[in-house]
N, C-alpha and C. Protein backbone atom coordinates (compact mmCIF):
# COMPACT_ATOMS: atom_id res chain seq x y z
N MET A 1 -43.08 13.25 -24.20
CA MET A 1 -41.95 13.52 -25.07
C MET A 1 -40.91 12.42 -24.88
N THR A 2 -40.45 11.84 -25.97
CA THR A 2 -39.44 10.80 -25.93
C THR A 2 -38.07 11.42 -26.20
N THR A 3 -37.11 11.03 -25.37
CA THR A 3 -35.75 11.51 -25.59
C THR A 3 -34.87 10.33 -25.99
N SER A 4 -33.85 10.63 -26.71
CA SER A 4 -32.91 9.60 -27.12
C SER A 4 -31.69 9.70 -26.21
N VAL A 5 -31.51 8.69 -25.38
CA VAL A 5 -30.40 8.67 -24.44
C VAL A 5 -29.34 7.71 -24.96
N LEU A 6 -28.11 8.16 -24.93
CA LEU A 6 -26.99 7.34 -25.36
C LEU A 6 -26.22 6.89 -24.12
N VAL A 7 -26.06 5.59 -23.97
CA VAL A 7 -25.28 5.03 -22.87
C VAL A 7 -24.20 4.15 -23.49
N ASN A 8 -22.98 4.43 -23.17
CA ASN A 8 -21.86 3.62 -23.64
C ASN A 8 -21.28 2.92 -22.43
N ARG A 9 -21.44 1.62 -22.33
CA ARG A 9 -21.01 0.85 -21.17
C ARG A 9 -19.50 0.65 -21.17
N HIS A 10 -18.90 0.80 -20.01
CA HIS A 10 -17.46 0.60 -19.85
C HIS A 10 -17.13 -0.87 -20.07
N CYS A 11 -16.06 -1.12 -20.79
CA CYS A 11 -15.59 -2.48 -21.02
C CYS A 11 -14.07 -2.46 -20.97
N GLU A 12 -13.50 -3.03 -19.93
CA GLU A 12 -12.05 -3.05 -19.76
C GLU A 12 -11.36 -3.77 -20.92
N ASP A 13 -12.05 -4.71 -21.54
CA ASP A 13 -11.47 -5.48 -22.64
C ASP A 13 -11.20 -4.65 -23.89
N ARG A 14 -11.76 -3.45 -23.97
CA ARG A 14 -11.54 -2.59 -25.14
C ARG A 14 -10.21 -1.83 -25.07
N GLU A 15 -9.51 -1.93 -23.95
CA GLU A 15 -8.23 -1.22 -23.83
C GLU A 15 -7.20 -1.84 -24.77
N TYR A 16 -6.41 -0.99 -25.42
CA TYR A 16 -5.37 -1.46 -26.32
C TYR A 16 -4.15 -0.54 -26.19
N PHE A 17 -2.99 -1.06 -26.59
CA PHE A 17 -1.78 -0.25 -26.58
C PHE A 17 -1.69 0.47 -27.91
N PHE A 18 -1.63 1.79 -27.86
CA PHE A 18 -1.56 2.63 -29.05
C PHE A 18 -0.08 2.92 -29.34
N ASP A 19 0.31 2.88 -30.61
CA ASP A 19 1.70 3.09 -31.01
C ASP A 19 2.29 4.40 -30.48
N GLU A 20 1.45 5.33 -30.12
CA GLU A 20 1.91 6.61 -29.56
C GLU A 20 2.69 6.39 -28.26
N GLY A 21 2.40 5.28 -27.56
CA GLY A 21 3.13 4.97 -26.33
C GLY A 21 2.28 4.96 -25.09
N CYS A 22 0.99 4.71 -25.25
CA CYS A 22 0.10 4.67 -24.09
C CYS A 22 -1.02 3.66 -24.33
N PHE A 23 -1.68 3.29 -23.25
CA PHE A 23 -2.85 2.43 -23.34
C PHE A 23 -4.08 3.31 -23.49
N ILE A 24 -5.01 2.92 -24.35
CA ILE A 24 -6.21 3.69 -24.63
C ILE A 24 -7.44 2.80 -24.48
N ASN A 25 -8.48 3.36 -23.88
CA ASN A 25 -9.80 2.73 -23.86
C ASN A 25 -10.79 3.80 -24.28
N GLU A 26 -11.37 3.63 -25.46
CA GLU A 26 -12.36 4.58 -25.97
C GLU A 26 -13.64 4.45 -25.15
N LEU A 27 -13.90 5.42 -24.29
CA LEU A 27 -15.09 5.37 -23.44
C LEU A 27 -16.31 5.87 -24.19
N LEU A 28 -16.10 6.86 -25.07
CA LEU A 28 -17.20 7.39 -25.88
C LEU A 28 -16.60 7.99 -27.14
N ASN A 29 -16.95 7.44 -28.27
CA ASN A 29 -16.51 7.98 -29.56
C ASN A 29 -17.46 7.43 -30.62
N THR A 30 -18.49 8.22 -30.91
CA THR A 30 -19.53 7.77 -31.83
C THR A 30 -20.08 8.93 -32.65
N GLU A 31 -20.52 8.63 -33.85
CA GLU A 31 -21.15 9.65 -34.69
C GLU A 31 -22.43 10.17 -34.06
N GLN A 32 -23.05 9.39 -33.18
CA GLN A 32 -24.27 9.83 -32.50
C GLN A 32 -24.02 11.03 -31.60
N ASP A 33 -22.78 11.19 -31.15
CA ASP A 33 -22.40 12.34 -30.32
C ASP A 33 -21.07 12.87 -30.86
N ALA A 34 -21.12 13.38 -32.08
CA ALA A 34 -19.91 13.79 -32.80
C ALA A 34 -19.24 15.03 -32.21
N ALA A 35 -19.89 15.68 -31.26
CA ALA A 35 -19.33 16.90 -30.67
C ALA A 35 -18.17 16.62 -29.72
N VAL A 36 -18.08 15.37 -29.22
CA VAL A 36 -17.07 15.07 -28.21
C VAL A 36 -16.70 13.60 -28.24
N SER A 37 -15.47 13.30 -27.83
CA SER A 37 -15.09 11.91 -27.55
C SER A 37 -14.32 11.90 -26.24
N ILE A 38 -14.36 10.76 -25.56
CA ILE A 38 -13.66 10.60 -24.29
C ILE A 38 -12.94 9.26 -24.33
N ALA A 39 -11.63 9.30 -24.09
CA ALA A 39 -10.84 8.07 -24.03
C ALA A 39 -10.04 8.10 -22.74
N ARG A 40 -9.92 6.94 -22.09
CA ARG A 40 -9.05 6.86 -20.91
C ARG A 40 -7.65 6.50 -21.41
N ALA A 41 -6.67 7.31 -21.06
CA ALA A 41 -5.28 7.06 -21.42
C ALA A 41 -4.49 6.68 -20.17
N LYS A 42 -3.55 5.74 -20.34
CA LYS A 42 -2.64 5.35 -19.27
C LYS A 42 -1.22 5.35 -19.82
N VAL A 43 -0.33 6.00 -19.08
CA VAL A 43 1.08 6.04 -19.46
C VAL A 43 1.88 5.41 -18.33
N GLN A 44 2.69 4.43 -18.68
CA GLN A 44 3.46 3.72 -17.66
C GLN A 44 4.59 4.59 -17.11
N VAL A 45 5.04 4.25 -15.90
CA VAL A 45 6.10 4.97 -15.22
C VAL A 45 7.33 5.09 -16.13
N GLY A 46 7.84 6.32 -16.23
CA GLY A 46 9.05 6.57 -17.01
C GLY A 46 8.85 6.66 -18.51
N GLU A 47 7.65 6.42 -19.00
CA GLU A 47 7.38 6.44 -20.45
C GLU A 47 6.93 7.83 -20.91
N THR A 48 7.23 8.11 -22.18
CA THR A 48 6.83 9.36 -22.83
C THR A 48 6.12 9.01 -24.12
N THR A 49 4.97 9.62 -24.37
CA THR A 49 4.26 9.39 -25.63
C THR A 49 5.01 10.09 -26.76
N ARG A 50 4.70 9.70 -27.98
CA ARG A 50 5.34 10.29 -29.15
C ARG A 50 4.80 11.70 -29.40
N TRP A 51 5.65 12.55 -29.97
CA TRP A 51 5.19 13.86 -30.41
C TRP A 51 4.10 13.67 -31.46
N HIS A 52 3.00 14.36 -31.28
CA HIS A 52 1.90 14.28 -32.23
C HIS A 52 1.06 15.55 -32.14
N ARG A 53 0.12 15.67 -33.06
CA ARG A 53 -0.86 16.76 -32.98
C ARG A 53 -2.16 16.27 -33.58
N LEU A 54 -3.23 16.96 -33.21
CA LEU A 54 -4.55 16.66 -33.73
C LEU A 54 -5.03 17.86 -34.54
N GLN A 55 -5.25 17.64 -35.81
CA GLN A 55 -5.70 18.72 -36.69
C GLN A 55 -7.21 18.92 -36.52
N GLY A 56 -7.62 20.14 -36.16
CA GLY A 56 -9.03 20.48 -36.05
C GLY A 56 -9.71 19.96 -34.79
N ILE A 57 -8.94 19.44 -33.84
CA ILE A 57 -9.52 18.88 -32.62
C ILE A 57 -8.80 19.45 -31.41
N THR A 58 -9.55 20.03 -30.48
CA THR A 58 -9.01 20.48 -29.21
C THR A 58 -9.10 19.32 -28.23
N GLU A 59 -8.01 19.11 -27.48
CA GLU A 59 -7.96 17.98 -26.55
C GLU A 59 -7.74 18.50 -25.14
N ARG A 60 -8.37 17.83 -24.18
CA ARG A 60 -8.21 18.16 -22.77
C ARG A 60 -7.80 16.91 -22.02
N TYR A 61 -6.82 17.03 -21.14
CA TYR A 61 -6.43 15.95 -20.25
C TYR A 61 -6.88 16.33 -18.85
N LEU A 62 -7.62 15.43 -18.19
CA LEU A 62 -7.99 15.59 -16.79
C LEU A 62 -7.23 14.51 -16.02
N ILE A 63 -6.18 14.90 -15.32
CA ILE A 63 -5.34 13.94 -14.63
C ILE A 63 -6.11 13.38 -13.43
N VAL A 64 -6.32 12.05 -13.43
CA VAL A 64 -7.04 11.42 -12.32
C VAL A 64 -6.11 10.70 -11.36
N SER A 65 -4.94 10.27 -11.86
CA SER A 65 -3.96 9.66 -10.96
C SER A 65 -2.58 9.76 -11.57
N GLY A 66 -1.59 9.80 -10.69
CA GLY A 66 -0.21 9.92 -11.12
C GLY A 66 0.19 11.36 -11.33
N GLN A 67 1.36 11.54 -11.89
CA GLN A 67 1.85 12.88 -12.22
C GLN A 67 2.68 12.79 -13.49
N GLY A 68 2.75 13.91 -14.18
CA GLY A 68 3.47 13.91 -15.43
C GLY A 68 3.88 15.28 -15.87
N THR A 69 4.62 15.30 -16.97
CA THR A 69 5.01 16.54 -17.61
C THR A 69 4.44 16.54 -19.02
N ALA A 70 3.60 17.51 -19.30
CA ALA A 70 3.04 17.67 -20.65
C ALA A 70 3.90 18.67 -21.40
N ASN A 71 4.35 18.28 -22.58
CA ASN A 71 5.05 19.18 -23.48
C ASN A 71 4.04 19.58 -24.54
N ILE A 72 3.67 20.86 -24.53
CA ILE A 72 2.64 21.36 -25.44
C ILE A 72 3.22 22.57 -26.16
N GLY A 73 3.41 22.43 -27.45
CA GLY A 73 4.14 23.47 -28.18
C GLY A 73 5.53 23.58 -27.58
N ASP A 74 5.90 24.76 -27.12
CA ASP A 74 7.20 24.98 -26.49
C ASP A 74 7.11 25.02 -24.96
N GLU A 75 5.95 24.69 -24.40
CA GLU A 75 5.76 24.74 -22.95
C GLU A 75 5.91 23.36 -22.33
N ASN A 76 6.48 23.34 -21.11
CA ASN A 76 6.58 22.13 -20.29
C ASN A 76 5.76 22.37 -19.03
N ILE A 77 4.72 21.57 -18.85
CA ILE A 77 3.77 21.81 -17.78
C ILE A 77 3.71 20.60 -16.86
N GLU A 78 4.01 20.82 -15.58
CA GLU A 78 3.92 19.75 -14.58
C GLU A 78 2.45 19.57 -14.21
N LEU A 79 2.00 18.30 -14.19
CA LEU A 79 0.60 18.00 -13.90
C LEU A 79 0.49 16.95 -12.81
N LYS A 80 -0.56 17.07 -12.00
CA LYS A 80 -0.85 16.09 -10.96
C LYS A 80 -2.36 15.87 -10.92
N ALA A 81 -2.79 14.90 -10.12
CA ALA A 81 -4.21 14.56 -10.03
C ALA A 81 -5.06 15.81 -9.77
N GLY A 82 -6.12 15.95 -10.55
CA GLY A 82 -7.04 17.08 -10.44
C GLY A 82 -6.76 18.18 -11.44
N ASP A 83 -5.57 18.20 -12.04
CA ASP A 83 -5.24 19.23 -13.02
C ASP A 83 -5.89 18.92 -14.37
N VAL A 84 -6.23 19.99 -15.08
CA VAL A 84 -6.76 19.89 -16.44
C VAL A 84 -5.89 20.76 -17.33
N VAL A 85 -5.47 20.22 -18.46
CA VAL A 85 -4.72 21.00 -19.44
C VAL A 85 -5.49 20.95 -20.76
N VAL A 86 -5.60 22.10 -21.40
CA VAL A 86 -6.29 22.21 -22.69
C VAL A 86 -5.24 22.36 -23.78
N ILE A 87 -5.30 21.48 -24.78
CA ILE A 87 -4.33 21.47 -25.87
C ILE A 87 -5.06 21.94 -27.14
N PRO A 88 -4.71 23.12 -27.62
CA PRO A 88 -5.40 23.64 -28.80
C PRO A 88 -5.18 22.76 -30.04
N ALA A 89 -6.12 22.79 -30.93
CA ALA A 89 -6.04 22.04 -32.18
C ALA A 89 -4.77 22.41 -32.93
N GLY A 90 -4.08 21.40 -33.49
CA GLY A 90 -2.93 21.63 -34.33
C GLY A 90 -1.62 21.87 -33.60
N VAL A 91 -1.63 21.86 -32.26
CA VAL A 91 -0.41 22.13 -31.48
C VAL A 91 0.26 20.81 -31.12
N ARG A 92 1.59 20.73 -31.31
CA ARG A 92 2.31 19.49 -31.01
C ARG A 92 2.27 19.24 -29.51
N GLN A 93 2.25 17.94 -29.17
CA GLN A 93 2.10 17.55 -27.77
C GLN A 93 2.68 16.17 -27.52
N ARG A 94 3.01 15.96 -26.27
CA ARG A 94 3.37 14.64 -25.76
C ARG A 94 3.30 14.75 -24.24
N ILE A 95 3.31 13.61 -23.56
CA ILE A 95 3.27 13.62 -22.10
C ILE A 95 4.17 12.52 -21.56
N THR A 96 4.84 12.82 -20.45
CA THR A 96 5.75 11.89 -19.79
C THR A 96 5.21 11.57 -18.41
N ASN A 97 5.22 10.30 -18.05
CA ASN A 97 4.89 9.90 -16.69
C ASN A 97 6.15 10.09 -15.85
N SER A 98 6.16 11.14 -15.05
CA SER A 98 7.34 11.46 -14.24
C SER A 98 7.17 11.02 -12.78
N GLY A 99 6.10 10.28 -12.51
CA GLY A 99 5.84 9.84 -11.15
C GLY A 99 6.25 8.41 -10.90
N GLU A 100 5.74 7.86 -9.80
CA GLU A 100 6.06 6.49 -9.40
C GLU A 100 4.89 5.53 -9.60
N ASP A 101 3.77 6.04 -10.10
CA ASP A 101 2.58 5.24 -10.35
C ASP A 101 2.10 5.49 -11.78
N MET A 102 1.18 4.66 -12.23
CA MET A 102 0.58 4.84 -13.56
C MET A 102 -0.03 6.24 -13.67
N LEU A 103 0.24 6.92 -14.78
CA LEU A 103 -0.39 8.20 -15.09
C LEU A 103 -1.66 7.90 -15.85
N GLU A 104 -2.79 8.34 -15.33
CA GLU A 104 -4.08 8.02 -15.94
C GLU A 104 -4.92 9.29 -16.08
N PHE A 105 -5.53 9.43 -17.27
CA PHE A 105 -6.36 10.61 -17.52
C PHE A 105 -7.33 10.36 -18.66
N PRO A 106 -8.54 10.92 -18.54
CA PRO A 106 -9.39 10.95 -19.71
C PRO A 106 -8.88 12.02 -20.67
N ALA A 107 -8.86 11.68 -21.94
CA ALA A 107 -8.56 12.63 -23.01
C ALA A 107 -9.90 12.97 -23.65
N ILE A 108 -10.30 14.22 -23.52
CA ILE A 108 -11.61 14.67 -23.99
C ILE A 108 -11.40 15.55 -25.21
N CYS A 109 -11.92 15.11 -26.35
CA CYS A 109 -11.69 15.80 -27.62
C CYS A 109 -12.97 16.45 -28.13
N THR A 110 -12.82 17.68 -28.66
CA THR A 110 -13.92 18.35 -29.34
C THR A 110 -13.41 18.94 -30.64
N PRO A 111 -14.08 18.68 -31.77
CA PRO A 111 -15.07 17.62 -31.90
C PRO A 111 -14.43 16.26 -31.63
N ARG A 112 -15.19 15.20 -31.80
CA ARG A 112 -14.70 13.86 -31.44
C ARG A 112 -13.44 13.49 -32.21
N PHE A 113 -12.62 12.64 -31.59
CA PHE A 113 -11.39 12.16 -32.22
C PHE A 113 -11.72 11.29 -33.42
N VAL A 114 -11.03 11.57 -34.51
CA VAL A 114 -11.06 10.70 -35.69
C VAL A 114 -9.61 10.46 -36.09
N VAL A 115 -9.29 9.26 -36.50
CA VAL A 115 -7.91 8.88 -36.79
C VAL A 115 -7.29 9.74 -37.89
N GLU A 116 -8.09 10.24 -38.81
CA GLU A 116 -7.57 11.07 -39.90
C GLU A 116 -6.98 12.39 -39.39
N ALA A 117 -7.36 12.83 -38.20
CA ALA A 117 -6.86 14.09 -37.64
C ALA A 117 -5.54 13.91 -36.90
N TYR A 118 -5.16 12.65 -36.63
CA TYR A 118 -3.95 12.37 -35.86
C TYR A 118 -2.72 12.45 -36.75
N GLU A 119 -1.73 13.21 -36.31
CA GLU A 119 -0.47 13.30 -37.06
C GLU A 119 0.69 12.94 -36.14
N ASP A 120 1.38 11.87 -36.45
CA ASP A 120 2.56 11.43 -35.72
C ASP A 120 3.73 12.27 -36.20
N LEU A 121 4.28 13.09 -35.31
CA LEU A 121 5.37 13.99 -35.69
C LEU A 121 6.74 13.33 -35.61
N GLU A 122 6.78 12.06 -35.19
CA GLU A 122 8.04 11.33 -35.10
C GLU A 122 8.15 10.27 -36.19
N ALA A 123 7.16 10.16 -37.04
CA ALA A 123 7.20 9.16 -38.11
C ALA A 123 8.40 9.40 -39.01
N GLY A 124 9.14 8.36 -39.27
CA GLY A 124 10.30 8.46 -40.14
C GLY A 124 11.57 8.92 -39.43
N ILE A 125 11.45 9.27 -38.14
CA ILE A 125 12.63 9.68 -37.37
C ILE A 125 13.20 8.47 -36.67
N SER A 126 14.51 8.26 -36.77
CA SER A 126 15.11 7.13 -36.06
C SER A 126 16.14 7.59 -35.08
């Protein structure tokens, strides 16, 4: 029996700064595995990402280093390495790096992240 194995090789050069206010490296985001996507996010010390929400996509943050405060809906949740927070689809969110080191976490989306689902809730606000 032949199986189809998908391997997505890590490439540091794919990291980019996203207008939301964090660095992103798409580790896995393909139609071949449309059930999930995984991106590594990094938020610099003292920075806060923009308010946003994902329509139809549940997102999970697994904090691997640093500490932060996630604002999810009306809740403020303190997070540290090893914590996982689940953000329901359509709920407004942002995260602040409240520590002294880079805040780093994989953002795991189900189904996979597509740009059409992203809504910037601060667009047009000055």
